[in-house]
C-alpha atoms as a PDB file:
ATOM      1  CA  MET A   1       0.000   0.000   0.000  1.00  0.00           C
ATOM      2  CA  THR A   2       1.171   3.518  -0.794  1.00  0.00           C
ATOM      3  CA  ALA A   3       1.631   5.518   2.402  1.00  0.00           C
ATOM      4  CA  LEU A   4       0.042   8.968   2.749  1.00  0.00           C
ATOM      5  CA  SER A   5       2.093  11.675   4.436  1.00  0.00           C
ATOM      6  CA  VAL A   6       0.081  14.825   5.123  1.00  0.00           C
ATOM      7  CA  ASN A   7       1.932  18.095   4.606  1.00  0.00           C
ATOM      8  CA  VAL A   8       0.759  20.665   7.182  1.00  0.00           C
ATOM      9  CA  ASN A   9       2.585  23.690   5.739  1.00  0.00           C
ATOM     10  CA  LYS A  10      -0.644  25.372   4.640  1.00  0.00           C
ATOM     11  CA  ILE A  11      -1.953  25.299   8.197  1.00  0.00           C
ATOM     12  CA  ALA A  12       1.085  27.359   9.199  1.00  0.00           C
ATOM     13  CA  VAL A  13       0.513  29.799   6.320  1.00  0.00           C
ATOM     14  CA  LEU A  14      -2.952  30.580   7.681  1.00  0.00           C
ATOM     15  CA  ARG A  15      -1.619  30.794  11.239  1.00  0.00           C
ATOM     16  CA  ASN A  16       1.161  33.176  10.257  1.00  0.00           C
ATOM     17  CA  SER A  17      -1.219  35.478   8.386  1.00  0.00           C
ATOM     18  CA  ARG A  18      -2.902  36.387  11.682  1.00  0.00           C
ATOM     19  CA  GLY A  19       0.158  36.517  13.895  1.00  0.00           C
ATOM     20  CA  HIS A  20      -0.937  34.214  16.709  1.00  0.00           C
ATOM     21  CA  GLY A  21      -1.302  30.497  17.375  1.00  0.00           C
ATOM     22  CA  LEU A  22      -4.355  29.504  15.336  1.00  0.00           C
ATOM     23  CA  PRO A  23      -4.680  27.287  13.453  1.00  0.00           C
ATOM     24  CA  ASP A  24      -2.014  25.100  15.010  1.00  0.00           C
ATOM     25  CA  PRO A  25      -0.004  22.764  12.735  1.00  0.00           C
ATOM     26  CA  VAL A  26       0.480  20.385  15.665  1.00  0.00           C
ATOM     27  CA  GLU A  27      -3.266  20.048  16.161  1.00  0.00           C
ATOM     28  CA  ALA A  28      -3.672  19.528  12.414  1.00  0.00           C
ATOM     29  CA  ALA A  29      -1.084  16.745  12.613  1.00  0.00           C
ATOM     30  CA  ARG A  30      -3.042  15.141  15.462  1.00  0.00           C
ATOM     31  CA  VAL A  31      -6.245  15.178  13.411  1.00  0.00           C
ATOM     32  CA  ALA A  32      -4.507  13.722  10.353  1.00  0.00           C
ATOM     33  CA  ILE A  33      -2.947  10.946  12.427  1.00  0.00           C
ATOM     34  CA  ALA A  34      -6.242  10.134  14.126  1.00  0.00           C
ATOM     35  CA  ALA A  35      -7.792   9.845  10.659  1.00  0.00           C
ATOM     36  CA  GLY A  36      -5.169   7.254   9.715  1.00  0.00           C
ATOM     37  CA  ALA A  37      -2.404   9.223   7.963  1.00  0.00           C
ATOM     38  CA  HIS A  38       0.830   7.269   7.759  1.00  0.00           C
ATOM     39  CA  GLY A  39       3.045  10.309   8.164  1.00  0.00           C
ATOM     40  CA  ILE A  40       3.379  14.040   8.629  1.00  0.00           C
ATOM     41  CA  THR A  41       5.456  16.178   6.274  1.00  0.00           C
ATOM     42  CA  VAL A  42       6.833  19.661   6.882  1.00  0.00           C
ATOM     43  CA  HIS A  43       8.955  21.840   4.629  1.00  0.00           C
ATOM     44  CA  PRO A  44      10.529  24.574   6.750  1.00  0.00           C
ATOM     45  CA  ARG A  45      12.199  27.291   4.691  1.00  0.00           C
ATOM     46  CA  PRO A  46      14.859  29.658   5.995  1.00  0.00           C
ATOM     47  CA  ASP A  47      12.534  32.666   5.594  1.00  0.00           C
ATOM     48  CA  GLN A  48       9.978  30.848   7.788  1.00  0.00           C
ATOM     49  CA  ARG A  49       7.087  31.863   5.548  1.00  0.00           C
ATOM     50  CA  HIS A  50       5.017  28.944   6.834  1.00  0.00           C
ATOM     51  CA  ILE A  51       6.351  26.085   8.980  1.00  0.00           C
ATOM     52  CA  ARG A  52       8.874  27.493  11.437  1.00  0.00           C
ATOM     53  CA  SER A  53      11.696  25.753  13.253  1.00  0.00           C
ATOM     54  CA  ASP A  54       9.716  25.694  16.505  1.00  0.00           C
ATOM     55  CA  ASP A  55       6.870  23.922  14.661  1.00  0.00           C
ATOM     56  CA  VAL A  56       9.326  21.241  13.556  1.00  0.00           C
ATOM     57  CA  PHE A  57      10.435  20.702  17.158  1.00  0.00           C
ATOM     58  CA  ARG A  58       6.845  20.631  18.446  1.00  0.00           C
ATOM     59  CA  ILE A  59       5.644  18.130  15.850  1.00  0.00           C
ATOM     60  CA  ALA A  60       8.656  15.919  16.501  1.00  0.00           C
ATOM     61  CA  ALA A  61       7.866  16.004  20.231  1.00  0.00           C
ATOM     62  CA  GLU A  62       4.198  15.211  19.554  1.00  0.00           C
ATOM     63  CA  LEU A  63       5.075  12.184  17.440  1.00  0.00           C
ATOM     64  CA  ASP A  64       7.538  11.002  20.059  1.00  0.00           C
ATOM     65  CA  LEU A  65       4.820  11.184  22.732  1.00  0.00           C
ATOM     66  CA  LEU A  66       2.403   9.370  20.447  1.00  0.00           C
ATOM     67  CA  HIS A  67       4.836   6.551  19.808  1.00  0.00           C
ATOM     68  CA  ARG A  68       5.693   6.235  23.500  1.00  0.00           C
ATOM     69  CA  ALA A  69       2.005   6.064  24.407  1.00  0.00           C
ATOM     70  CA  ALA A  70       1.345   3.480  21.696  1.00  0.00           C
ATOM     71  CA  ALA A  71       4.279   1.371  22.868  1.00  0.00           C
ATOM     72  CA  SER A  72       3.008   1.338  26.444  1.00  0.00           C
ATOM     73  CA  SER A  73      -0.652   0.727  25.620  1.00  0.00           C
ATOM     74  CA  GLY A  74      -0.364  -1.352  22.469  1.00  0.00           C
ATOM     75  CA  SER A  75      -3.285   0.515  20.944  1.00  0.00           C
ATOM     76  CA  PHE A  76      -3.308   3.835  19.079  1.00  0.00           C
ATOM     77  CA  PRO A  77      -1.957   4.322  16.486  1.00  0.00           C
ATOM     78  CA  ALA A  78      -2.206   1.016  14.717  1.00  0.00           C
ATOM     79  CA  HIS A  79       0.819   1.890  12.575  1.00  0.00           C
ATOM     80  CA  ALA A  80       4.032   3.812  13.113  1.00  0.00           C
ATOM     81  CA  VAL A  81       3.605   7.432  12.039  1.00  0.00           C
ATOM     82  CA  GLU A  82       6.575   8.739  10.103  1.00  0.00           C
ATOM     83  CA  PHE A  83       7.974  12.252  10.223  1.00  0.00           C
ATOM     84  CA  ASN A  84       9.297  13.644   6.950  1.00  0.00           C
ATOM     85  CA  ILE A  85      11.254  16.908   6.878  1.00  0.00           C
ATOM     86  CA  GLU A  86      11.811  18.469   3.458  1.00  0.00           C
ATOM     87  CA  GLY A  87      14.255  21.219   2.626  1.00  0.00           C
ATOM     88  CA  ASN A  88      17.314  22.512   0.863  1.00  0.00           C
ATOM     89  CA  PRO A  89      20.408  21.084   2.586  1.00  0.00           C
ATOM     90  CA  PHE A  90      22.564  23.836   1.062  1.00  0.00           C
ATOM     91  CA  ALA A  91      20.568  26.741   2.562  1.00  0.00           C
ATOM     92  CA  PRO A  92      22.736  28.425   5.217  1.00  0.00           C
ATOM     93  CA  PRO A  93      21.537  28.967   8.785  1.00  0.00           C
ATOM     94  CA  ARG A  94      20.043  32.314   9.694  1.00  0.00           C
ATOM     95  CA  ASP A  95      18.160  33.920  12.562  1.00  0.00           C
ATOM     96  CA  GLY A  96      15.444  31.507  13.669  1.00  0.00           C
ATOM     97  CA  TYR A  97      16.549  28.795  11.229  1.00  0.00           C
ATOM     98  CA  PRO A  98      19.441  26.572  12.329  1.00  0.00           C
ATOM     99  CA  GLY A  99      19.929  24.952   8.930  1.00  0.00           C
ATOM    100  CA  PHE A 100      18.388  21.821   7.461  1.00  0.00           C
ATOM    101  CA  VAL A 101      20.926  19.314   8.736  1.00  0.00           C
ATOM    102  CA  GLU A 102      20.789  20.791  12.240  1.00  0.00           C
ATOM    103  CA  LEU A 103      16.983  20.557  12.261  1.00  0.00           C
ATOM    104  CA  VAL A 104      17.284  16.904  11.321  1.00  0.00           C
ATOM    105  CA  ARG A 105      19.971  16.350  13.947  1.00  0.00           C
ATOM    106  CA  ARG A 106      17.753  17.799  16.673  1.00  0.00           C
ATOM    107  CA  THR A 107      14.502  16.069  15.668  1.00  0.00           C
ATOM    108  CA  ARG A 108      15.609  12.767  14.077  1.00  0.00           C
ATOM    109  CA  PRO A 109      12.762  12.368  11.558  1.00  0.00           C
ATOM    110  CA  THR A 110      12.113   9.084   9.809  1.00  0.00           C
ATOM    111  CA  GLN A 111      12.884  10.665   6.460  1.00  0.00           C
ATOM    112  CA  ALA A 112      14.806  13.674   5.191  1.00  0.00           C
ATOM    113  CA  THR A 113      13.740  14.772   1.722  1.00  0.00           C
ATOM    114  CA  LEU A 114      16.291  17.002   0.027  1.00  0.00           C
ATOM    115  CA  VAL A 115      14.829  19.652  -2.286  1.00  0.00           C
ATOM    116  CA  PRO A 116      16.763  22.251  -4.336  1.00  0.00           C
ATOM    117  CA  ASP A 117      14.504  25.212  -3.571  1.00  0.00           C
ATOM    118  CA  SER A 118      15.533  28.805  -2.923  1.00  0.00           C
ATOM    119  CA  ASP A 119      13.959  31.660  -0.991  1.00  0.00           C
ATOM    120  CA  ALA A 120      12.797  33.230  -4.246  1.00  0.00           C
ATOM    121  CA  GLN A 121      10.637  30.230  -5.172  1.00  0.00           C
ATOM    122  CA  LEU A 122       6.980  30.384  -4.229  1.00  0.00           C
ATOM    123  CA  THR A 123       7.046  26.597  -3.979  1.00  0.00           C
ATOM    124  CA  SER A 124       9.277  23.726  -5.094  1.00  0.00           C
ATOM    125  CA  ASP A 125       9.425  23.764  -8.886  1.00  0.00           C
ATOM    126  CA  HIS A 126      12.262  21.476  -9.987  1.00  0.00           C
ATOM    127  CA  GLY A 127      14.350  18.532  -8.914  1.00  0.00           C
ATOM    128  CA  PHE A 128      18.071  18.106  -8.450  1.00  0.00           C
ATOM    129  CA  ASP A 129      20.470  17.908 -11.358  1.00  0.00           C
ATOM    130  CA  LEU A 130      22.091  14.733 -10.061  1.00  0.00           C
ATOM    131  CA  ALA A 131      25.119  14.947 -12.348  1.00  0.00           C
ATOM    132  CA  ARG A 132      25.862  18.509 -11.291  1.00  0.00           C
ATOM    133  CA  ASP A 133      24.842  18.315  -7.628  1.00  0.00           C
ATOM    134  CA  GLY A 134      25.873  14.756  -6.811  1.00  0.00           C
ATOM    135  CA  GLU A 135      29.341  15.552  -5.472  1.00  0.00           C
ATOM    136  CA  ARG A 136      27.936  18.154  -3.072  1.00  0.00           C
ATOM    137  CA  LEU A 137      25.007  15.969  -2.039  1.00  0.00           C
ATOM    138  CA  ALA A 138      26.931  12.789  -1.245  1.00  0.00           C
ATOM    139  CA  PRO A 139      28.555  13.917   2.055  1.00  0.00           C
ATOM    140  CA  LEU A 140      25.273  15.452   3.239  1.00  0.00           C
ATOM    141  CA  VAL A 141      23.421  12.236   2.451  1.00  0.00           C
ATOM    142  CA  ARG A 142      26.002  10.291   4.450  1.00  0.00           C
ATOM    143  CA  GLU A 143      25.668  12.679   7.389  1.00  0.00           C
ATOM    144  CA  LEU A 144      21.864  12.492   7.392  1.00  0.00           C
ATOM    145  CA  LYS A 145      21.920   8.701   7.200  1.00  0.00           C
ATOM    146  CA  SER A 146      24.347   8.622  10.125  1.00  0.00           C
ATOM    147  CA  LEU A 147      21.584  10.347  12.112  1.00  0.00           C
ATOM    148  CA  GLY A 148      19.278   7.410  11.408  1.00  0.00           C
ATOM    149  CA  CYS A 149      17.231   9.039   8.652  1.00  0.00           C
ATOM    150  CA  ARG A 150      16.055   7.597   5.386  1.00  0.00           C
ATOM    151  CA  VAL A 151      17.122  10.053   2.676  1.00  0.00           C
ATOM    152  CA  SER A 152      15.067  10.899  -0.397  1.00  0.00           C
ATOM    153  CA  LEU A 153      16.087  13.181  -3.282  1.00  0.00           C
ATOM    154  CA  PHE A 154      13.548  15.337  -5.127  1.00  0.00           C
ATOM    155  CA  VAL A 155      13.885  14.725  -8.884  1.00  0.00           C
ATOM    156  CA  ASP A 156      12.129  15.733 -12.083  1.00  0.00           C
ATOM    157  CA  PRO A 157       9.950  13.091 -13.738  1.00  0.00           C
ATOM    158  CA  ASP A 158      12.189  13.065 -16.823  1.00  0.00           C
ATOM    159  CA  VAL A 159      15.504  13.042 -14.940  1.00  0.00           C
ATOM    160  CA  ARG A 160      18.125  11.470 -17.194  1.00  0.00           C
ATOM    161  CA  ASP A 161      20.362   9.832 -14.603  1.00  0.00           C
ATOM    162  CA  VAL A 162      18.085   8.758 -11.778  1.00  0.00           C
ATOM    163  CA  GLU A 163      20.457   5.859 -11.020  1.00  0.00           C
ATOM    164  CA  ARG A 164      22.931   8.479  -9.826  1.00  0.00           C
ATOM    165  CA  ALA A 165      20.745   8.925  -6.731  1.00  0.00           C
ATOM    166  CA  ALA A 166      21.729   5.434  -5.623  1.00  0.00           C
ATOM    167  CA  ASP A 167      25.414   6.187  -6.231  1.00  0.00           C
ATOM    168  CA  ILE A 168      25.064   9.313  -4.077  1.00  0.00           C
ATOM    169  CA  GLY A 169      23.759   7.101  -1.273  1.00  0.00           C
ATOM    170  CA  ALA A 170      20.083   8.072  -1.218  1.00  0.00           C
ATOM    171  CA  ASP A 171      17.477   5.519  -0.174  1.00  0.00           C
ATOM    172  CA  ARG A 172      14.638   6.926  -2.254  1.00  0.00           C
ATOM    173  CA  ILE A 173      13.702   9.511  -4.818  1.00  0.00           C
ATOM    174  CA  GLU A 174      10.599  11.702  -4.774  1.00  0.00           C
ATOM    175  CA  ILE A 175       9.212  12.337  -8.233  1.00  0.00           C
ATOM    176  CA  TYR A 176       8.076  15.936  -8.760  1.00  0.00           C
ATOM    177  CA  THR A 177       4.539  15.500 -10.082  1.00  0.00           C
ATOM    178  CA  GLU A 178       3.373  19.010 -11.001  1.00  0.00           C
ATOM    179  CA  ALA A 179       3.730  18.374 -14.749  1.00  0.00           C
ATOM    180  CA  TYR A 180       1.653  15.203 -14.400  1.00  0.00           C
ATOM    181  CA  ALA A 181      -1.008  17.014 -12.346  1.00  0.00           C
ATOM    182  CA  ARG A 182      -1.305  19.837 -14.873  1.00  0.00           C
ATOM    183  CA  ALA A 183      -1.491  17.413 -17.758  1.00  0.00           C
ATOM    184  CA  PHE A 184      -4.133  15.380 -15.936  1.00  0.00           C
ATOM    185  CA  ALA A 185      -6.245  18.503 -15.446  1.00  0.00           C
ATOM    186  CA  SER A 186      -6.038  19.192 -19.178  1.00  0.00           C
ATOM    187  CA  GLY A 187      -7.145  15.657 -20.030  1.00  0.00           C
ATOM    188  CA  ASP A 188      -3.990  14.811 -21.985  1.00  0.00           C
ATOM    189  CA  PHE A 189      -1.639  13.190 -19.505  1.00  0.00           C
ATOM    190  CA  ASP A 190      -0.348   9.980 -21.096  1.00  0.00           C
ATOM    191  CA  SER A 191       3.109  11.387 -21.839  1.00  0.00           C
ATOM    192  CA  ALA A 192       3.519  13.022 -18.419  1.00  0.00           C
ATOM    193  CA  LEU A 193       2.409   9.842 -16.667  1.00  0.00           C
ATOM    194  CA  ALA A 194       4.776   7.786 -18.785  1.00  0.00           C
ATOM    195  CA  ASP A 195       7.684   9.985 -17.645  1.00  0.00           C
ATOM    196  CA  CYS A 196       6.805   9.263 -14.010  1.00  0.00           C
ATOM    197  CA  VAL A 197       6.409   5.538 -14.629  1.00  0.00           C
ATOM    198  CA  ARG A 198       9.691   5.308 -16.550  1.00  0.00           C
ATOM    199  CA  THR A 199      11.657   7.146 -13.875  1.00  0.00           C
ATOM    200  CA  ALA A 200      10.044   5.101 -11.109  1.00  0.00           C
ATOM    201  CA  GLY A 201      10.934   1.854 -12.865  1.00  0.00           C
ATOM    202  CA  ARG A 202      14.548   2.858 -13.395  1.00  0.00           C
ATOM    203  CA  ALA A 203      14.837   3.975  -9.776  1.00  0.00           C
ATOM    204  CA  ARG A 204      13.433   0.700  -8.532  1.00  0.00           C
ATOM    205  CA  ALA A 205      15.824  -1.252 -10.727  1.00  0.00           C
ATOM    206  CA  ALA A 206      18.674   0.729  -9.132  1.00  0.00           C
ATOM    207  CA  GLY A 207      17.524  -0.331  -5.669  1.00  0.00           C
ATOM    208  CA  LEU A 208      15.803   2.931  -4.765  1.00  0.00           C
ATOM    209  CA  GLY A 209      12.395   3.385  -3.174  1.00  0.00           C
ATOM    210  CA  VAL A 210      10.005   5.745  -4.952  1.00  0.00           C
ATOM    211  CA  ASN A 211       7.959   8.575  -3.459  1.00  0.00           C
ATOM    212  CA  ALA A 212       5.918  11.208  -5.290  1.00  0.00           C
ATOM    213  CA  GLY A 213       4.535  14.618  -4.519  1.00  0.00           C
ATOM    214  CA  HIS A 214       3.399  18.065  -5.645  1.00  0.00           C
ATOM    215  CA  ASP A 215      -0.107  19.011  -6.805  1.00  0.00           C
ATOM    216  CA  LEU A 216      -1.483  15.532  -6.272  1.00  0.00           C
ATOM    217  CA  ASP A 217      -5.182  15.423  -5.411  1.00  0.00           C
ATOM    218  CA  ARG A 218      -8.093  13.013  -5.281  1.00  0.00           C
ATOM    219  CA  LYS A 219      -8.707  13.298  -9.011  1.00  0.00           C
ATOM    220  CA  ASN A 220      -5.209  12.424 -10.217  1.00  0.00           C
ATOM    221  CA  LEU A 221      -3.800  10.314  -7.371  1.00  0.00           C
ATOM    222  CA  GLY A 222      -5.494   7.015  -8.175  1.00  0.00           C
ATOM    223  CA  THR A 223      -4.213   6.959 -11.741  1.00  0.00           C
ATOM    224  CA  LEU A 224      -0.643   7.540 -10.552  1.00  0.00           C
ATOM    225  CA  VAL A 225      -0.816   4.857  -7.849  1.00  0.00           C
ATOM    226  CA  HIS A 226      -2.322   2.382 -10.311  1.00  0.00           C
ATOM    227  CA  ALA A 227       0.453   3.093 -12.818  1.00  0.00           C
ATOM    228  CA  ILE A 228       3.198   2.785 -10.165  1.00  0.00           C
ATOM    229  CA  PRO A 229       1.930   0.027  -7.844  1.00  0.00           C
ATOM    230  CA  PHE A 230       5.207  -0.024  -5.894  1.00  0.00           C
ATOM    231  CA  LEU A 231       4.951   3.684  -5.023  1.00  0.00           C
ATOM    232  CA  ALA A 232       6.086   3.855  -1.400  1.00  0.00           C
ATOM    233  CA  GLU A 233       4.714   7.237  -0.324  1.00  0.00           C
ATOM    234  CA  VAL A 234       2.868  10.306  -1.521  1.00  0.00           C
ATOM    235  CA  SER A 235       3.207  13.620   0.276  1.00  0.00           C
ATOM    236  CA  ILE A 236       0.133  15.812  -0.145  1.00  0.00           C
ATOM    237  CA  GLY A 237      -0.655  19.161   1.422  1.00  0.00           C
ATOM    238  CA  HIS A 238      -2.109  21.951  -0.691  1.00  0.00           C
ATOM    239  CA  ALA A 239      -4.973  20.034  -2.304  1.00  0.00           C
ATOM    240  CA  LEU A 240      -5.706  17.983   0.806  1.00  0.00           C
ATOM    241  CA  ILE A 241      -5.991  21.061   3.040  1.00  0.00           C
ATOM    242  CA  SER A 242      -8.060  22.892   0.397  1.00  0.00           C
ATOM    243  CA  GLU A 243     -10.480  19.989   0.080  1.00  0.00           C
ATOM    244  CA  ALA A 244     -10.706  19.717   3.855  1.00  0.00           C
ATOM    245  CA  LEU A 245     -11.758  23.365   4.064  1.00  0.00           C
ATOM    246  CA  TYR A 246     -14.602  22.832   1.611  1.00  0.00           C
ATOM    247  CA  GLU A 247     -15.837  19.610   3.168  1.00  0.00           C
ATOM    248  CA  GLY A 248     -15.458  20.787   6.751  1.00  0.00           C
ATOM    249  CA  LEU A 249     -16.878  24.289   6.319  1.00  0.00           C
ATOM    250  CA  ALA A 250     -20.580  23.364   6.252  1.00  0.00           C
ATOM    251  CA  PRO A 251     -20.625  21.351   9.517  1.00  0.00           C
ATOM    252  CA  THR A 252     -18.529  24.046  11.203  1.00  0.00           C
ATOM    253  CA  VAL A 253     -20.950  26.783  10.098  1.00  0.00           C
ATOM    254  CA  ASN A 254     -23.809  24.625  11.380  1.00  0.00           C
ATOM    255  CA  ALA A 255     -22.098  24.245  14.759  1.00  0.00           C
ATOM    256  CA  TYR A 256     -21.744  28.022  15.097  1.00  0.00           C
ATOM    257  CA  LEU A 257     -25.362  28.538  14.029  1.00  0.00           C
ATOM    258  CA  ALA A 258     -26.468  26.075  16.707  1.00  0.00           C
ATOM    259  CA  ILE A 259     -24.641  28.100  19.368  1.00  0.00           C
ATOM    260  CA  CYS A 260     -26.182  31.336  18.129  1.00  0.00           C
ATOM    261  CA  GLU A 261     -29.641  29.810  18.170  1.00  0.00           C
ATOM    262  CA  SER A 262     -29.228  28.176  21.577  1.00  0.00           C
ATOM    263  CA  PHE A 263     -28.164  31.364  23.304  1.00  0.00           C
ATOM    264  CA  ALA A 264     -30.390  33.768  21.399  1.00  0.00           C
ATOM    265  CA  ASN A 265     -32.237  36.256  23.582  1.00  0.00           C
ATOM    266  CA  PRO A 266     -35.999  35.966  23.264  1.00  0.00           C
ATOM    267  CA  ARG A 267     -37.688  39.050  21.883  1.00  0.00           C
END
């Protein structure tokens, strides 16, 4: 079965827009886990535009408590919940951001996903050039693995040398799926899907696990999972949180209406 890791970045975006603690990414992680999510993903950036370093520490602590409680009770959750931290390992530390490797060192997530994004990018929009970046990545991959983390490299769906990821020492790749998602929305996605399938097959043949993420949603996810039945994990945030807002808004409005009606002053 393909594991679902829920990215809670968008919860932090909404929280940060108001300047106080609501909504809380930790509470969102709790809800996702209670619903059966296999993992929680965060992508802290040095400019702290959404998930901040303190959020990373708090979510790590929450998952640690959850696992300790499950170990002692033998009940909830029924599966181990993974923590996946994404980020650019080359981004230097700055005020409030200790650097990607240091965040991993202090929180020990299950997986570290390395992404070549910069502050100027609105969101991740390309994968690593493994031929160009491999020499710089290799020692960082070794260091992260020495901390007990599985390491995944973010790659384009048409990457030419995906086998290089195995030479670098990575355990998995994550296929960047925006091109597939856009093509799916247009109704002409065979070529984009074929790129993902081809890269996934080559990665698997090289001994790598395969993850996928970016702009996946309920419309396009099933087709991708069916085409890549050995897909280990999908990381989904933007669409999942958007859909949750739509589907959860009506019952929330009804709950507020019930309070207003219950405490209404008689005329």
